[in-house]
Amino acid sequence: MPIPALRLVPLSFALLALFAACAVPARSRDTETASFASCGAARRVTCVVDGDTFWYRGTKIRIADINAPEVGHPSCPYEAELGAAATQRLIQLLNDGPFSLAVEGARTTDRYGRALRVVLRDGQSLGGRLEREGLAERWKGRRGNWCAAA
């Protein structure tokens, strides 16, 4: 049985409205913001420790998807240099605009009590960005040897 033409018009408008709603870009869920600097001797509330660890609103956060070179106890001058660059770059990335923090996997904290989070902006990992820039490596469950690459 054919559908009367008058019934198709409201249906076509409904489909057009649905399509238009889907075509609108979704709003970013990135709502976290702060002004970050390198951590110093003062009480740590919001600051960057190194390329994969920072304090945010009094919570110490370990970026879960990467490992960055150490700055506190580097194993060689190359690791110290790369660690300083990773730290400065993370400060810049965190200050570039709103971000979000996501839990990846079942663990929410590491053995040192740091919150394990992936830092995202527009759905993209900031840790992944550090990795692509050569300032971090993908987290493999243990620290890498930055001095072997020197």
Protein backbone atom coordinates (compact mmCIF):
# COMPACT_ATOMS: atom_id res chain seq x y z
CA MET A 1 0.00 0.00 0.00
CA PRO A 2 1.58 3.34 -1.04
CA ILE A 3 2.28 6.03 1.57
CA PRO A 4 0.35 9.24 0.89
CA ALA A 5 2.55 12.17 -0.16
CA LEU A 6 1.32 14.32 2.74
CA ARG A 7 2.72 11.86 5.27
CA LEU A 8 6.17 11.93 3.63
CA VAL A 9 6.65 15.69 4.09
CA PRO A 10 6.67 15.66 7.94
CA LEU A 11 8.84 12.53 7.88
CA SER A 12 11.39 14.18 5.56
CA PHE A 13 11.54 17.26 7.83
CA ALA A 14 12.10 15.03 10.85
CA LEU A 15 14.93 13.20 9.08
CA LEU A 16 16.48 16.48 7.97
CA ALA A 17 16.34 17.84 11.54
CA LEU A 18 17.91 14.63 12.86
CA PHE A 19 20.70 14.82 10.28
CA ALA A 20 21.39 18.47 11.10
CA ALA A 21 21.59 17.68 14.81
CA CYS A 22 24.11 14.92 14.14
CA ALA A 23 26.22 17.17 11.90
CA VAL A 24 26.82 19.73 14.66
CA PRO A 25 30.21 19.09 16.26
CA ALA A 26 29.97 17.76 19.79
CA ARG A 27 31.05 20.14 22.52
CA SER A 28 34.37 19.30 24.06
CA ARG A 29 34.21 17.69 27.48
CA ASP A 30 37.50 19.34 28.37
CA THR A 31 36.59 21.33 31.45
CA GLU A 32 39.76 21.18 33.56
CA THR A 33 41.90 24.33 33.57
CA ALA A 34 44.63 25.81 35.73
CA SER A 35 47.82 27.81 35.50
CA PHE A 36 50.77 25.41 35.67
CA ALA A 37 54.43 26.10 36.43
CA SER A 38 57.31 23.89 37.45
CA CYS A 39 57.02 22.60 41.02
CA GLY A 40 59.36 24.24 43.48
CA ALA A 41 60.02 23.87 47.18
CA ALA A 42 56.66 25.37 48.17
CA ARG A 43 53.55 23.31 48.91
CA ARG A 44 52.52 21.50 45.75
CA VAL A 45 48.94 22.17 44.66
CA THR A 46 49.00 22.79 40.90
CA CYS A 47 52.39 22.38 39.23
CA VAL A 48 54.44 20.06 37.01
CA VAL A 49 56.99 17.71 38.58
CA ASP A 50 58.38 16.25 35.35
CA GLY A 51 57.24 15.12 31.92
CA ASP A 52 54.80 12.51 33.23
CA THR A 53 53.84 13.71 36.72
CA PHE A 54 52.00 16.82 37.88
CA TRP A 55 49.93 18.13 40.76
CA TYR A 56 46.43 19.33 40.00
CA ARG A 57 44.25 20.88 42.72
CA GLY A 58 46.22 19.05 45.41
CA THR A 59 46.19 15.62 43.72
CA LYS A 60 49.42 14.12 42.41
CA ILE A 61 48.77 12.68 38.94
CA ARG A 62 50.92 10.25 36.98
CA ILE A 63 50.15 10.35 33.25
CA ALA A 64 49.13 6.73 32.68
CA ASP A 65 49.90 6.25 29.00
CA ILE A 66 53.53 7.43 28.90
CA ASN A 67 56.91 7.34 30.59
CA ALA A 68 59.05 10.49 30.44
CA PRO A 69 62.74 10.89 31.32
CA GLU A 70 63.57 11.51 34.96
CA VAL A 71 64.62 14.94 36.18
CA GLY A 72 65.06 14.15 39.88
CA HIS A 73 67.55 11.31 39.49
CA PRO A 74 68.53 11.02 35.83
CA SER A 75 70.90 8.20 34.88
CA CYS A 76 72.91 10.31 32.41
CA PRO A 77 73.20 13.89 31.10
CA TYR A 78 71.04 13.04 28.06
CA GLU A 79 68.16 11.88 30.29
CA ALA A 80 68.48 15.06 32.38
CA GLU A 81 68.36 17.25 29.26
CA LEU A 82 65.42 15.38 27.71
CA GLY A 83 63.61 15.32 31.07
CA ALA A 84 63.89 19.10 31.41
CA ALA A 85 62.53 19.54 27.88
CA ALA A 86 59.63 17.13 28.57
CA THR A 87 58.80 19.01 31.77
CA GLN A 88 58.67 22.37 30.00
CA ARG A 89 56.61 20.94 27.16
CA LEU A 90 54.08 19.41 29.57
CA ILE A 91 53.73 22.78 31.30
CA GLN A 92 53.03 24.37 27.92
CA LEU A 93 50.53 21.69 26.88
CA LEU A 94 48.60 21.88 30.16
CA ASN A 95 48.47 25.68 29.92
CA ASP A 96 47.35 25.65 26.28
CA GLY A 97 43.68 25.26 27.22
CA PRO A 98 41.04 23.08 28.84
CA PHE A 99 41.76 19.37 29.19
CA SER A 100 40.13 16.31 30.68
CA LEU A 101 41.41 13.50 32.87
CA ALA A 102 40.39 9.91 32.12
CA VAL A 103 40.97 6.61 33.91
CA GLU A 104 42.49 3.99 31.62
CA GLY A 105 42.17 0.38 32.73
CA ALA A 106 41.26 -0.99 36.13
CA ARG A 107 43.95 0.75 38.21
CA THR A 108 43.25 4.25 39.45
CA THR A 109 46.47 4.70 41.47
CA ASP A 110 50.04 3.48 41.19
CA ARG A 111 52.21 1.92 43.91
CA TYR A 112 53.25 5.41 45.07
CA GLY A 113 49.65 6.55 45.55
CA ARG A 114 49.61 8.83 42.50
CA ALA A 115 46.34 9.04 40.57
CA LEU A 116 46.76 7.33 37.19
CA ARG A 117 45.11 9.41 34.47
CA VAL A 118 45.30 9.95 30.74
CA VAL A 119 45.28 13.68 29.95
CA LEU A 120 43.13 14.51 26.94
CA ARG A 121 42.33 17.55 24.86
CA ASP A 122 39.70 17.20 22.16
CA GLY A 123 39.84 13.45 22.68
CA GLN A 124 43.59 13.26 21.97
CA SER A 125 46.18 12.20 24.54
CA LEU A 126 48.65 14.88 25.57
CA GLY A 127 50.97 12.04 26.58
CA GLY A 128 50.74 10.72 23.03
CA ARG A 129 51.72 14.16 21.81
CA LEU A 130 54.82 14.13 24.04
CA GLU A 131 55.62 10.69 22.65
CA ARG A 132 55.27 11.85 19.03
CA GLU A 133 57.57 14.79 19.82
CA GLY A 134 60.24 12.42 21.18
CA LEU A 135 59.88 13.62 24.78
CA ALA A 136 58.25 10.47 26.18
CA GLU A 137 57.70 6.82 25.36
CA ARG A 138 54.59 4.69 25.53
CA TRP A 139 54.18 3.22 29.03
CA LYS A 140 55.23 -0.45 28.96
CA GLY A 141 54.83 -1.23 32.65
CA ARG A 142 58.36 -0.18 33.55
CA ARG A 143 60.83 2.64 33.00
CA GLY A 144 62.80 2.68 29.79
CA ASN A 145 66.52 3.31 29.42
CA TRP A 146 66.88 6.84 28.07
CA CYS A 147 70.68 6.66 28.27
CA ALA A 148 70.86 3.78 25.78
CA ALA A 149 69.45 6.13 23.13
CA ALA A 150 72.15 8.76 23.76
